[in-house]
Amino acid sequence: KKIIPWKNSTPSLDLEMAFQDRAAKLGKSNSRLIVVASLIDKPTNL
């Protein structure tokens, strides 16, 4: 399940396009770092 906060999106939305859209709209780097925290269960750490 995906949340792309700045636009209406569906779970099938291509994240790669979303990353580029984010970089363009927010003026951020077009980073390719994915941080996986699925094993973490403390809300403060997340």
PDB file of all heavy atoms in Angstrom:
ATOM      1  N   LYS A   1       0.860  -1.173   0.000  1.00  0.00           N
ATOM      2  CA  LYS A   1       0.000   0.000   0.000  1.00  0.00           C
ATOM      3  C   LYS A   1       0.898   1.224   0.000  1.00  0.00           C
ATOM      4  O   LYS A   1       1.877   1.281   0.728  1.00  0.00           O
ATOM      5  CB  LYS A   1      -0.909   0.002   1.229  1.00  0.00           C
ATOM      6  CG  LYS A   1      -1.880  -1.172   1.256  1.00  0.00           C
ATOM      7  CD  LYS A   1      -2.704  -1.144   2.521  1.00  0.00           C
ATOM      8  CE  LYS A   1      -3.626  -2.359   2.583  1.00  0.00           C
ATOM      9  NZ  LYS A   1      -4.368  -2.424   3.851  1.00  0.00           N
ATOM     10  N   LYS A   2       0.553   2.182  -0.810  1.00  0.00           N
ATOM     11  CA  LYS A   2       1.414   3.353  -0.957  1.00  0.00           C
ATOM     12  C   LYS A   2       0.650   4.624  -0.628  1.00  0.00           C
ATOM     13  O   LYS A   2      -0.529   4.753  -0.941  1.00  0.00           O
ATOM     14  CB  LYS A   2       1.961   3.453  -2.382  1.00  0.00           C
ATOM     15  CG  LYS A   2       2.734   2.229  -2.860  1.00  0.00           C
ATOM     16  CD  LYS A   2       3.239   2.441  -4.269  1.00  0.00           C
ATOM     17  CE  LYS A   2       4.060   1.242  -4.740  1.00  0.00           C
ATOM     18  NZ  LYS A   2       3.232   0.085  -5.047  1.00  0.00           N
ATOM     19  N   ILE A   3       1.334   5.556  -0.006  1.00  0.00           N
ATOM     20  CA  ILE A   3       0.807   6.897   0.183  1.00  0.00           C
ATOM     21  C   ILE A   3       1.748   7.863  -0.529  1.00  0.00           C
ATOM     22  O   ILE A   3       2.929   7.946  -0.200  1.00  0.00           O
ATOM     23  CB  ILE A   3       0.729   7.290   1.668  1.00  0.00           C
ATOM     24  CG1 ILE A   3      -0.271   6.389   2.409  1.00  0.00           C
ATOM     25  CG2 ILE A   3       0.323   8.747   1.817  1.00  0.00           C
ATOM     26  CD1 ILE A   3      -0.381   6.699   3.879  1.00  0.00           C
ATOM     27  N   ILE A   4       1.217   8.543  -1.537  1.00  0.00           N
ATOM     28  CA  ILE A   4       1.968   9.616  -2.188  1.00  0.00           C
ATOM     29  C   ILE A   4       1.257  10.901  -1.763  1.00  0.00           C
ATOM     30  O   ILE A   4       0.255  11.288  -2.342  1.00  0.00           O
ATOM     31  CB  ILE A   4       1.964   9.495  -3.719  1.00  0.00           C
ATOM     32  CG1 ILE A   4       2.315   8.063  -4.135  1.00  0.00           C
ATOM     33  CG2 ILE A   4       2.918  10.485  -4.352  1.00  0.00           C
ATOM     34  CD1 ILE A   4       3.697   7.616  -3.765  1.00  0.00           C
ATOM     35  N   PRO A   5       1.738  11.584  -0.712  1.00  0.00           N
ATOM     36  CA  PRO A   5       0.935  12.590  -0.030  1.00  0.00           C
ATOM     37  C   PRO A   5       0.526  13.785  -0.877  1.00  0.00           C
ATOM     38  O   PRO A   5      -0.514  14.375  -0.635  1.00  0.00           O
ATOM     39  CB  PRO A   5       1.838  13.036   1.128  1.00  0.00           C
ATOM     40  CG  PRO A   5       2.837  11.946   1.282  1.00  0.00           C
ATOM     41  CD  PRO A   5       3.028  11.396  -0.089  1.00  0.00           C
ATOM     42  N   TRP A   6       1.350  14.185  -1.834  1.00  0.00           N
ATOM     43  CA  TRP A   6       1.088  15.462  -2.495  1.00  0.00           C
ATOM     44  C   TRP A   6       0.228  15.334  -3.746  1.00  0.00           C
ATOM     45  O   TRP A   6       0.062  16.286  -4.486  1.00  0.00           O
ATOM     46  CB  TRP A   6       2.414  16.151  -2.849  1.00  0.00           C
ATOM     47  CG  TRP A   6       3.277  15.316  -3.745  1.00  0.00           C
ATOM     48  CD1 TRP A   6       3.299  15.314  -5.097  1.00  0.00           C
ATOM     49  CD2 TRP A   6       4.210  14.340  -3.326  1.00  0.00           C
ATOM     50  NE1 TRP A   6       4.194  14.387  -5.550  1.00  0.00           N
ATOM     51  CE2 TRP A   6       4.780  13.777  -4.491  1.00  0.00           C
ATOM     52  CE3 TRP A   6       4.628  13.870  -2.068  1.00  0.00           C
ATOM     53  CZ2 TRP A   6       5.735  12.787  -4.435  1.00  0.00           C
ATOM     54  CZ3 TRP A   6       5.576  12.881  -2.038  1.00  0.00           C
ATOM     55  CH2 TRP A   6       6.124  12.362  -3.205  1.00  0.00           C
ATOM     56  N   LYS A   7      -0.302  14.159  -4.012  1.00  0.00           N
ATOM     57  CA  LYS A   7      -1.159  14.022  -5.187  1.00  0.00           C
ATOM     58  C   LYS A   7      -2.123  12.869  -4.964  1.00  0.00           C
ATOM     59  O   LYS A   7      -1.886  11.994  -4.139  1.00  0.00           O
ATOM     60  CB  LYS A   7      -0.323  13.774  -6.433  1.00  0.00           C
ATOM     61  CG  LYS A   7       0.410  12.438  -6.430  1.00  0.00           C
ATOM     62  CD  LYS A   7       1.443  12.360  -7.533  1.00  0.00           C
ATOM     63  CE  LYS A   7       0.782  12.384  -8.902  1.00  0.00           C
ATOM     64  NZ  LYS A   7       1.749  12.258  -9.991  1.00  0.00           N
ATOM     65  N   ASN A   8      -3.243  12.870  -5.671  1.00  0.00           N
ATOM     66  CA  ASN A   8      -4.155  11.743  -5.611  1.00  0.00           C
ATOM     67  C   ASN A   8      -3.476  10.555  -6.266  1.00  0.00           C
ATOM     68  O   ASN A   8      -2.983  10.660  -7.379  1.00  0.00           O
ATOM     69  CB  ASN A   8      -5.467  12.063  -6.348  1.00  0.00           C
ATOM     70  CG  ASN A   8      -6.245  13.149  -5.643  1.00  0.00           C
ATOM     71  OD1 ASN A   8      -6.214  13.249  -4.418  1.00  0.00           O
ATOM     72  ND2 ASN A   8      -6.941  13.977  -6.405  1.00  0.00           N
ATOM     73  N   SER A   9      -3.449   9.418  -5.580  1.00  0.00           N
ATOM     74  CA  SER A   9      -2.699   8.289  -6.103  1.00  0.00           C
ATOM     75  C   SER A   9      -3.431   6.990  -5.837  1.00  0.00           C
ATOM     76  O   SER A   9      -4.330   6.915  -5.016  1.00  0.00           O
ATOM     77  CB  SER A   9      -1.309   8.239  -5.468  1.00  0.00           C
ATOM     78  OG  SER A   9      -1.441   8.101  -4.076  1.00  0.00           O
ATOM     79  N   THR A  10      -3.015   5.949  -6.527  1.00  0.00           N
ATOM     80  CA  THR A  10      -3.552   4.621  -6.331  1.00  0.00           C
ATOM     81  C   THR A  10      -2.400   3.687  -6.028  1.00  0.00           C
ATOM     82  O   THR A  10      -1.247   4.007  -6.319  1.00  0.00           O
ATOM     83  CB  THR A  10      -4.269   4.127  -7.611  1.00  0.00           C
ATOM     84  OG1 THR A  10      -3.295   4.030  -8.659  1.00  0.00           O
ATOM     85  CG2 THR A  10      -5.370   5.092  -8.018  1.00  0.00           C
ATOM     86  N   PRO A  11      -2.669   2.509  -5.436  1.00  0.00           N
ATOM     87  CA  PRO A  11      -1.571   1.587  -5.117  1.00  0.00           C
ATOM     88  C   PRO A  11      -0.766   1.155  -6.327  1.00  0.00           C
ATOM     89  O   PRO A  11       0.364   0.723  -6.194  1.00  0.00           O
ATOM     90  CB  PRO A  11      -2.301   0.394  -4.483  1.00  0.00           C
ATOM     91  CG  PRO A  11      -3.555   0.986  -3.929  1.00  0.00           C
ATOM     92  CD  PRO A  11      -3.944   2.063  -4.899  1.00  0.00           C
ATOM     93  N   SER A  12      -1.325   1.275  -7.518  1.00  0.00           N
ATOM     94  CA  SER A  12      -0.612   0.822  -8.705  1.00  0.00           C
ATOM     95  C   SER A  12       0.271   1.913  -9.314  1.00  0.00           C
ATOM     96  O   SER A  12       0.939   1.696 -10.315  1.00  0.00           O
ATOM     97  CB  SER A  12      -1.619   0.335  -9.761  1.00  0.00           C
ATOM     98  OG  SER A  12      -2.472   1.399 -10.141  1.00  0.00           O
ATOM     99  N   LEU A  13       0.265   3.100  -8.711  1.00  0.00           N
ATOM    100  CA  LEU A  13       1.067   4.195  -9.249  1.00  0.00           C
ATOM    101  C   LEU A  13       2.538   3.831  -9.249  1.00  0.00           C
ATOM    102  O   LEU A  13       3.061   3.301  -8.278  1.00  0.00           O
ATOM    103  CB  LEU A  13       0.862   5.453  -8.406  1.00  0.00           C
ATOM    104  CG  LEU A  13       1.646   6.696  -8.841  1.00  0.00           C
ATOM    105  CD1 LEU A  13       1.133   7.202 -10.178  1.00  0.00           C
ATOM    106  CD2 LEU A  13       1.535   7.787  -7.791  1.00  0.00           C
ATOM    107  N   ASP A  14       3.228   4.108 -10.351  1.00  0.00           N
ATOM    108  CA  ASP A  14       4.655   3.804 -10.464  1.00  0.00           C
ATOM    109  C   ASP A  14       5.436   4.734  -9.543  1.00  0.00           C
ATOM    110  O   ASP A  14       5.461   5.945  -9.738  1.00  0.00           O
ATOM    111  CB  ASP A  14       5.085   3.982 -11.917  1.00  0.00           C
ATOM    112  CG  ASP A  14       6.558   3.640 -12.127  1.00  0.00           C
ATOM    113  OD1 ASP A  14       7.221   3.230 -11.169  1.00  0.00           O
ATOM    114  OD2 ASP A  14       7.019   3.792 -13.265  1.00  0.00           O
ATOM    115  N   LEU A  15       6.113   4.165  -8.555  1.00  0.00           N
ATOM    116  CA  LEU A  15       6.850   5.001  -7.602  1.00  0.00           C
ATOM    117  C   LEU A  15       7.976   5.773  -8.264  1.00  0.00           C
ATOM    118  O   LEU A  15       8.320   6.872  -7.851  1.00  0.00           O
ATOM    119  CB  LEU A  15       7.430   4.125  -6.483  1.00  0.00           C
ATOM    120  CG  LEU A  15       6.538   3.931  -5.245  1.00  0.00           C
ATOM    121  CD1 LEU A  15       7.275   3.105  -4.215  1.00  0.00           C
ATOM    122  CD2 LEU A  15       6.133   5.258  -4.648  1.00  0.00           C
ATOM    123  N   GLU A  16       8.565   5.185  -9.290  1.00  0.00           N
ATOM    124  CA  GLU A  16       9.686   5.876  -9.956  1.00  0.00           C
ATOM    125  C   GLU A  16       9.222   7.220 -10.514  1.00  0.00           C
ATOM    126  O   GLU A  16       9.906   8.233 -10.388  1.00  0.00           O
ATOM    127  CB  GLU A  16      10.229   5.002 -11.079  1.00  0.00           C
ATOM    128  CG  GLU A  16      11.622   5.414 -11.561  1.00  0.00           C
ATOM    129  CD  GLU A  16      12.704   5.094 -10.546  1.00  0.00           C
ATOM    130  OE1 GLU A  16      12.449   4.315  -9.609  1.00  0.00           O
ATOM    131  OE2 GLU A  16      13.804   5.645 -10.682  1.00  0.00           O
ATOM    132  N   MET A  17       8.033   7.243 -11.104  1.00  0.00           N
ATOM    133  CA  MET A  17       7.473   8.503 -11.600  1.00  0.00           C
ATOM    134  C   MET A  17       7.145   9.426 -10.437  1.00  0.00           C
ATOM    135  O   MET A  17       7.323  10.640 -10.522  1.00  0.00           O
ATOM    136  CB  MET A  17       6.209   8.219 -12.424  1.00  0.00           C
ATOM    137  CG  MET A  17       6.467   7.461 -13.712  1.00  0.00           C
ATOM    138  SD  MET A  17       7.545   8.393 -14.848  1.00  0.00           S
ATOM    139  CE  MET A  17       6.477   9.791 -15.211  1.00  0.00           C
ATOM    140  N   ALA A  18       6.683   8.840  -9.339  1.00  0.00           N
ATOM    141  CA  ALA A  18       6.357   9.652  -8.167  1.00  0.00           C
ATOM    142  C   ALA A  18       7.605  10.324  -7.603  1.00  0.00           C
ATOM    143  O   ALA A  18       7.572  11.474  -7.170  1.00  0.00           O
ATOM    144  CB  ALA A  18       5.698   8.790  -7.093  1.00  0.00           C
ATOM    145  N   PHE A  19       8.745   9.588  -7.609  1.00  0.00           N
ATOM    146  CA  PHE A  19       9.982  10.179  -7.107  1.00  0.00           C
ATOM    147  C   PHE A  19      10.369  11.401  -7.937  1.00  0.00           C
ATOM    148  O   PHE A  19      10.775  12.442  -7.422  1.00  0.00           O
ATOM    149  CB  PHE A  19      11.118   9.157  -7.163  1.00  0.00           C
ATOM    150  CG  PHE A  19      10.892   7.930  -6.326  1.00  0.00           C
ATOM    151  CD1 PHE A  19      11.605   6.778  -6.577  1.00  0.00           C
ATOM    152  CD2 PHE A  19       9.958   7.930  -5.297  1.00  0.00           C
ATOM    153  CE1 PHE A  19      11.408   5.640  -5.814  1.00  0.00           C
ATOM    154  CE2 PHE A  19       9.750   6.795  -4.533  1.00  0.00           C
ATOM    155  CZ  PHE A  19      10.475   5.646  -4.799  1.00  0.00           C
ATOM    156  N   GLN A  20      10.268  11.262  -9.262  1.00  0.00           N
ATOM    157  CA  GLN A  20      10.625  12.366 -10.148  1.00  0.00           C
ATOM    158  C   GLN A  20       9.678  13.542  -9.936  1.00  0.00           C
ATOM    159  O   GLN A  20      10.090  14.699  -9.934  1.00  0.00           O
ATOM    160  CB  GLN A  20      10.579  11.888 -11.597  1.00  0.00           C
ATOM    161  CG  GLN A  20      11.630  10.825 -11.913  1.00  0.00           C
ATOM    162  CD  GLN A  20      11.462  10.211 -13.281  1.00  0.00           C
ATOM    163  OE1 GLN A  20      10.678  10.692 -14.079  1.00  0.00           O
ATOM    164  NE2 GLN A  20      12.192   9.142 -13.552  1.00  0.00           N
ATOM    165  N   ASP A  21       8.397  13.227  -9.729  1.00  0.00           N
ATOM    166  CA  ASP A  21       7.401  14.270  -9.493  1.00  0.00           C
ATOM    167  C   ASP A  21       7.701  15.002  -8.193  1.00  0.00           C
ATOM    168  O   ASP A  21       7.603  16.219  -8.103  1.00  0.00           O
ATOM    169  CB  ASP A  21       6.011  13.628  -9.445  1.00  0.00           C
ATOM    170  CG  ASP A  21       4.903  14.654  -9.427  1.00  0.00           C
ATOM    171  OD1 ASP A  21       4.924  15.519 -10.310  1.00  0.00           O
ATOM    172  OD2 ASP A  21       4.025  14.576  -8.550  1.00  0.00           O
ATOM    173  N   ARG A  22       8.112  14.232  -7.199  1.00  0.00           N
ATOM    174  CA  ARG A  22       8.447  14.833  -5.904  1.00  0.00           C
ATOM    175  C   ARG A  22       9.632  15.788  -6.036  1.00  0.00           C
ATOM    176  O   ARG A  22       9.631  16.894  -5.507  1.00  0.00           O
ATOM    177  CB  ARG A  22       8.793  13.720  -4.913  1.00  0.00           C
ATOM    178  CG  ARG A  22       9.274  14.215  -3.556  1.00  0.00           C
ATOM    179  CD  ARG A  22       9.580  13.002  -2.685  1.00  0.00           C
ATOM    180  NE  ARG A  22       9.790  13.397  -1.310  1.00  0.00           N
ATOM    181  CZ  ARG A  22      10.965  13.724  -0.799  1.00  0.00           C
ATOM    182  NH1 ARG A  22      12.020  13.731  -1.568  1.00  0.00           N
ATOM    183  NH2 ARG A  22      11.074  14.052   0.467  1.00  0.00           N
ATOM    184  N   ALA A  23      10.640  15.336  -6.746  1.00  0.00           N
ATOM    185  CA  ALA A  23      11.829  16.166  -6.918  1.00  0.00           C
ATOM    186  C   ALA A  23      11.481  17.469  -7.622  1.00  0.00           C
ATOM    187  O   ALA A  23      11.972  18.539  -7.254  1.00  0.00           O
ATOM    188  CB  ALA A  23      12.883  15.400  -7.719  1.00  0.00           C
ATOM    189  N   ALA A  24      10.624  17.370  -8.634  1.00  0.00           N
ATOM    190  CA  ALA A  24      10.263  18.562  -9.390  1.00  0.00           C
ATOM    191  C   ALA A  24       9.404  19.520  -8.559  1.00  0.00           C
ATOM    192  O   ALA A  24       9.636  20.727  -8.548  1.00  0.00           O
ATOM    193  CB  ALA A  24       9.514  18.162 -10.664  1.00  0.00           C
ATOM    194  N   LYS A  25       8.427  18.973  -7.832  1.00  0.00           N
ATOM    195  CA  LYS A  25       7.480  19.818  -7.110  1.00  0.00           C
ATOM    196  C   LYS A  25       8.052  20.389  -5.823  1.00  0.00           C
ATOM    197  O   LYS A  25       7.708  21.492  -5.421  1.00  0.00           O
ATOM    198  CB  LYS A  25       6.206  19.026  -6.802  1.00  0.00           C
ATOM    199  CG  LYS A  25       5.367  18.756  -8.045  1.00  0.00           C
ATOM    200  CD  LYS A  25       4.002  18.216  -7.675  1.00  0.00           C
ATOM    201  CE  LYS A  25       3.156  18.081  -8.936  1.00  0.00           C
ATOM    202  NZ  LYS A  25       1.797  17.588  -8.664  1.00  0.00           N
ATOM    203  N   LEU A  26       8.919  19.632  -5.168  1.00  0.00           N
ATOM    204  CA  LEU A  26       9.430  20.071  -3.883  1.00  0.00           C
ATOM    205  C   LEU A  26      10.834  20.656  -3.970  1.00  0.00           C
ATOM    206  O   LEU A  26      11.386  21.114  -2.990  1.00  0.00           O
ATOM    207  CB  LEU A  26       9.435  18.903  -2.890  1.00  0.00           C
ATOM    208  CG  LEU A  26       8.073  18.252  -2.626  1.00  0.00           C
ATOM    209  CD1 LEU A  26       8.221  17.150  -1.596  1.00  0.00           C
ATOM    210  CD2 LEU A  26       7.072  19.281  -2.152  1.00  0.00           C
ATOM    211  N   GLY A  27      11.436  20.620  -5.160  1.00  0.00           N
ATOM    212  CA  GLY A  27      12.768  21.171  -5.321  1.00  0.00           C
ATOM    213  C   GLY A  27      13.825  20.355  -4.617  1.00  0.00           C
ATOM    214  O   GLY A  27      14.870  20.858  -4.236  1.00  0.00           O
ATOM    215  N   LYS A  28      13.561  19.061  -4.421  1.00  0.00           N
ATOM    216  CA  LYS A  28      14.511  18.202  -3.727  1.00  0.00           C
ATOM    217  C   LYS A  28      15.315  17.388  -4.721  1.00  0.00           C
ATOM    218  O   LYS A  28      15.004  17.329  -5.902  1.00  0.00           O
ATOM    219  CB  LYS A  28      13.758  17.263  -2.788  1.00  0.00           C
ATOM    220  CG  LYS A  28      12.964  18.019  -1.733  1.00  0.00           C
ATOM    221  CD  LYS A  28      13.473  17.723  -0.368  1.00  0.00           C
ATOM    222  CE  LYS A  28      12.687  18.526   0.662  1.00  0.00           C
ATOM    223  NZ  LYS A  28      12.512  17.811   1.889  1.00  0.00           N
ATOM    224  N   SER A  29      16.364  16.747  -4.197  1.00  0.00           N
ATOM    225  CA  SER A  29      17.194  15.902  -5.045  1.00  0.00           C
ATOM    226  C   SER A  29      16.392  14.718  -5.546  1.00  0.00           C
ATOM    227  O   SER A  29      15.484  14.234  -4.872  1.00  0.00           O
ATOM    228  CB  SER A  29      18.397  15.404  -4.244  1.00  0.00           C
ATOM    229  OG  SER A  29      17.946  14.595  -3.173  1.00  0.00           O
ATOM    230  N   ASN A  30      16.758  14.236  -6.730  1.00  0.00           N
ATOM    231  CA  ASN A  30      16.101  13.060  -7.285  1.00  0.00           C
ATOM    232  C   ASN A  30      16.806  11.817  -6.751  1.00  0.00           C
ATOM    233  O   ASN A  30      17.369  11.030  -7.489  1.00  0.00           O
ATOM    234  CB  ASN A  30      16.154  13.123  -8.813  1.00  0.00           C
ATOM    235  CG  ASN A  30      15.087  12.256  -9.447  1.00  0.00           C
ATOM    236  OD1 ASN A  30      14.216  11.730  -8.767  1.00  0.00           O
ATOM    237  ND2 ASN A  30      15.156  12.113 -10.748  1.00  0.00           N
ATOM    238  N   SER A  31      16.750  11.649  -5.431  1.00  0.00           N
ATOM    239  CA  SER A  31      17.464  10.575  -4.746  1.00  0.00           C
ATOM    240  C   SER A  31      16.891   9.221  -5.117  1.00  0.00           C
ATOM    241  O   SER A  31      15.726   9.089  -5.453  1.00  0.00           O
ATOM    242  CB  SER A  31      17.358  10.790  -3.226  1.00  0.00           C
ATOM    243  OG  SER A  31      17.826   9.667  -2.531  1.00  0.00           O
ATOM    244  N   ARG A  32      17.738   8.200  -5.049  1.00  0.00           N
ATOM    245  CA  ARG A  32      17.294   6.835  -5.291  1.00  0.00           C
ATOM    246  C   ARG A  32      17.566   5.968  -4.061  1.00  0.00           C
ATOM    247  O   ARG A  32      17.921   4.807  -4.181  1.00  0.00           O
ATOM    248  CB  ARG A  32      18.015   6.251  -6.523  1.00  0.00           C
ATOM    249  CG  ARG A  32      17.517   6.815  -7.836  1.00  0.00           C
ATOM    250  CD  ARG A  32      16.069   6.365  -8.092  1.00  0.00           C
ATOM    251  NE  ARG A  32      15.539   6.916  -9.323  1.00  0.00           N
ATOM    252  CZ  ARG A  32      14.986   8.120  -9.432  1.00  0.00           C
ATOM    253  NH1 ARG A  32      14.907   8.900  -8.372  1.00  0.00           N
ATOM    254  NH2 ARG A  32      14.527   8.550 -10.579  1.00  0.00           N
ATOM    255  N   LEU A  33      17.384   6.559  -2.886  1.00  0.00           N
ATOM    256  CA  LEU A  33      17.566   5.814  -1.638  1.00  0.00           C
ATOM    257  C   LEU A  33      16.202   5.433  -1.075  1.00  0.00           C
ATOM    258  O   LEU A  33      15.370   6.301  -0.799  1.00  0.00           O
ATOM    259  CB  LEU A  33      18.322   6.651  -0.606  1.00  0.00           C
ATOM    260  CG  LEU A  33      18.458   6.005   0.779  1.00  0.00           C
ATOM    261  CD1 LEU A  33      19.332   4.757   0.705  1.00  0.00           C
ATOM    262  CD2 LEU A  33      19.003   6.998   1.785  1.00  0.00           C
ATOM    263  N   ILE A  34      15.965   4.127  -0.917  1.00  0.00           N
ATOM    264  CA  ILE A  34      14.756   3.630  -0.277  1.00  0.00           C
ATOM    265  C   ILE A  34      15.130   3.129   1.116  1.00  0.00           C
ATOM    266  O   ILE A  34      16.055   2.328   1.266  1.00  0.00           O
ATOM    267  CB  ILE A  34      14.122   2.486  -1.089  1.00  0.00           C
ATOM    268  CG1 ILE A  34      13.690   2.988  -2.467  1.00  0.00           C
ATOM    269  CG2 ILE A  34      12.922   1.899  -0.345  1.00  0.00           C
ATOM    270  CD1 ILE A  34      13.167   1.884  -3.384  1.00  0.00           C
ATOM    271  N   VAL A  35      14.440   3.631   2.132  1.00  0.00           N
ATOM    272  CA  VAL A  35      14.697   3.240   3.518  1.00  0.00           C
ATOM    273  C   VAL A  35      13.605   2.261   3.942  1.00  0.00           C
ATOM    274  O   VAL A  35      12.424   2.615   3.947  1.00  0.00           O
ATOM    275  CB  VAL A  35      14.721   4.465   4.451  1.00  0.00           C
ATOM    276  CG1 VAL A  35      15.001   4.026   5.890  1.00  0.00           C
ATOM    277  CG2 VAL A  35      15.774   5.471   3.984  1.00  0.00           C
ATOM    278  N   VAL A  36      14.004   1.031   4.280  1.00  0.00           N
ATOM    279  CA  VAL A  36      13.039  -0.009   4.637  1.00  0.00           C
ATOM    280  C   VAL A  36      13.061  -0.217   6.148  1.00  0.00           C
ATOM    281  O   VAL A  36      14.050  -0.694   6.712  1.00  0.00           O
ATOM    282  CB  VAL A  36      13.341  -1.330   3.901  1.00  0.00           C
ATOM    283  CG1 VAL A  36      12.351  -2.414   4.339  1.00  0.00           C
ATOM    284  CG2 VAL A  36      13.260  -1.114   2.392  1.00  0.00           C
ATOM    285  N   ALA A  37      11.947   0.149   6.785  1.00  0.00           N
ATOM    286  CA  ALA A  37      11.827   0.068   8.240  1.00  0.00           C
ATOM    287  C   ALA A  37      10.698  -0.869   8.650  1.00  0.00           C
ATOM    288  O   ALA A  37      10.120  -0.717   9.729  1.00  0.00           O
ATOM    289  CB  ALA A  37      11.598   1.472   8.813  1.00  0.00           C
ATOM    290  N   SER A  38      10.395  -1.849   7.822  1.00  0.00           N
ATOM    291  CA  SER A  38       9.281  -2.764   8.104  1.00  0.00           C
ATOM    292  C   SER A  38       9.494  -3.595   9.367  1.00  0.00           C
ATOM    293  O   SER A  38       8.533  -4.070   9.969  1.00  0.00           O
ATOM    294  CB  SER A  38       9.070  -3.713   6.917  1.00  0.00           C
ATOM    295  OG  SER A  38       8.657  -3.007   5.781  1.00  0.00           O
ATOM    296  N   LEU A  39      10.743  -3.809   9.756  1.00  0.00           N
ATOM    297  CA  LEU A  39      11.031  -4.627  10.933  1.00  0.00           C
ATOM    298  C   LEU A  39      10.956  -3.838  12.229  1.00  0.00           C
ATOM    299  O   LEU A  39      11.012  -4.401  13.319  1.00  0.00           O
ATOM    300  CB  LEU A  39      12.418  -5.258  10.802  1.00  0.00           C
ATOM    301  CG  LEU A  39      12.623  -6.204   9.612  1.00  0.00           C
ATOM    302  CD1 LEU A  39      14.082  -6.597   9.490  1.00  0.00           C
ATOM    303  CD2 LEU A  39      11.750  -7.448   9.766  1.00  0.00           C
ATOM    304  N   ILE A  40      10.825  -2.520  12.120  1.00  0.00           N
ATOM    305  CA  ILE A  40      10.812  -1.643  13.292  1.00  0.00           C
ATOM    306  C   ILE A  40       9.377  -1.499  13.787  1.00  0.00           C
ATOM    307  O   ILE A  40       8.466  -1.267  12.991  1.00  0.00           O
ATOM    308  CB  ILE A  40      11.411  -0.271  12.939  1.00  0.00           C
ATOM    309  CG1 ILE A  40      12.886  -0.441  12.558  1.00  0.00           C
ATOM    310  CG2 ILE A  40      11.268   0.709  14.094  1.00  0.00           C
ATOM    311  CD1 ILE A  40      13.519   0.821  12.003  1.00  0.00           C
ATOM    312  N   ASP A  41       9.178  -1.622  15.100  1.00  0.00           N
ATOM    313  CA  ASP A  41       7.810  -1.557  15.602  1.00  0.00           C
ATOM    314  C   ASP A  41       7.563  -0.470  16.647  1.00  0.00           C
ATOM    315  O   ASP A  41       6.470  -0.397  17.205  1.00  0.00           O
ATOM    316  CB  ASP A  41       7.356  -2.927  16.146  1.00  0.00           C
ATOM    317  CG  ASP A  41       8.353  -3.525  17.127  1.00  0.00           C
ATOM    318  OD1 ASP A  41       9.063  -2.763  17.796  1.00  0.00           O
ATOM    319  OD2 ASP A  41       8.412  -4.765  17.208  1.00  0.00           O
ATOM    320  N   LYS A  42       8.546   0.371  16.920  1.00  0.00           N
ATOM    321  CA  LYS A  42       8.315   1.476  17.858  1.00  0.00           C
ATOM    322  C   LYS A  42       7.946   2.736  17.077  1.00  0.00           C
ATOM    323  O   LYS A  42       8.721   3.206  16.229  1.00  0.00           O
ATOM    324  CB  LYS A  42       9.561   1.728  18.710  1.00  0.00           C
ATOM    325  CG  LYS A  42       9.808   0.638  19.740  1.00  0.00           C
ATOM    326  CD  LYS A  42      10.918   1.007  20.689  1.00  0.00           C
ATOM    327  CE  LYS A  42      11.101  -0.078  21.744  1.00  0.00           C
ATOM    328  NZ  LYS A  42      12.209   0.247  22.669  1.00  0.00           N
ATOM    329  N   PRO A  43       6.773   3.316  17.342  1.00  0.00           N
ATOM    330  CA  PRO A  43       6.335   4.505  16.604  1.00  0.00           C
ATOM    331  C   PRO A  43       7.316   5.675  16.692  1.00  0.00           C
ATOM    332  O   PRO A  43       7.453   6.440  15.744  1.00  0.00           O
ATOM    333  CB  PRO A  43       4.999   4.859  17.263  1.00  0.00           C
ATOM    334  CG  PRO A  43       4.513   3.586  17.857  1.00  0.00           C
ATOM    335  CD  PRO A  43       5.747   2.856  18.300  1.00  0.00           C
ATOM    336  N   THR A  44       8.009   5.798  17.831  1.00  0.00           N
ATOM    337  CA  THR A  44       8.965   6.904  17.965  1.00  0.00           C
ATOM    338  C   THR A  44      10.117   6.748  16.982  1.00  0.00           C
ATOM    339  O   THR A  44      10.544   7.724  16.348  1.00  0.00           O
ATOM    340  CB  THR A  44       9.510   6.976  19.400  1.00  0.00           C
ATOM    341  OG1 THR A  44       9.938   5.665  19.807  1.00  0.00           O
ATOM    342  CG2 THR A  44       8.458   7.481  20.364  1.00  0.00           C
ATOM    343  N   ASN A  45      10.631   5.531  16.848  1.00  0.00           N
ATOM    344  CA  ASN A  45      11.719   5.294  15.888  1.00  0.00           C
ATOM    345  C   ASN A  45      11.244   5.521  14.458  1.00  0.00           C
ATOM    346  O   ASN A  45      11.961   6.093  13.633  1.00  0.00           O
ATOM    347  CB  ASN A  45      12.263   3.874  16.042  1.00  0.00           C
ATOM    348  CG  ASN A  45      13.151   3.719  17.269  1.00  0.00           C
ATOM    349  OD1 ASN A  45      13.786   4.660  17.708  1.00  0.00           O
ATOM    350  ND2 ASN A  45      13.182   2.525  17.825  1.00  0.00           N
ATOM    351  N   LEU A  46      10.035   5.059  14.149  1.00  0.00           N
ATOM    352  CA  LEU A  46       9.494   5.231  12.799  1.00  0.00           C
ATOM    353  C   LEU A  46       9.231   6.697  12.493  1.00  0.00           C
ATOM    354  O   LEU A  46       9.510   7.172  11.395  1.00  0.00           O
ATOM    355  CB  LEU A  46       8.217   4.413  12.640  1.00  0.00           C
ATOM    356  CG  LEU A  46       8.422   2.897  12.609  1.00  0.00           C
ATOM    357  CD1 LEU A  46       7.090   2.175  12.768  1.00  0.00           C
ATOM    358  CD2 LEU A  46       9.098   2.473  11.307  1.00  0.00           C
TER     359      LEU A  46
END
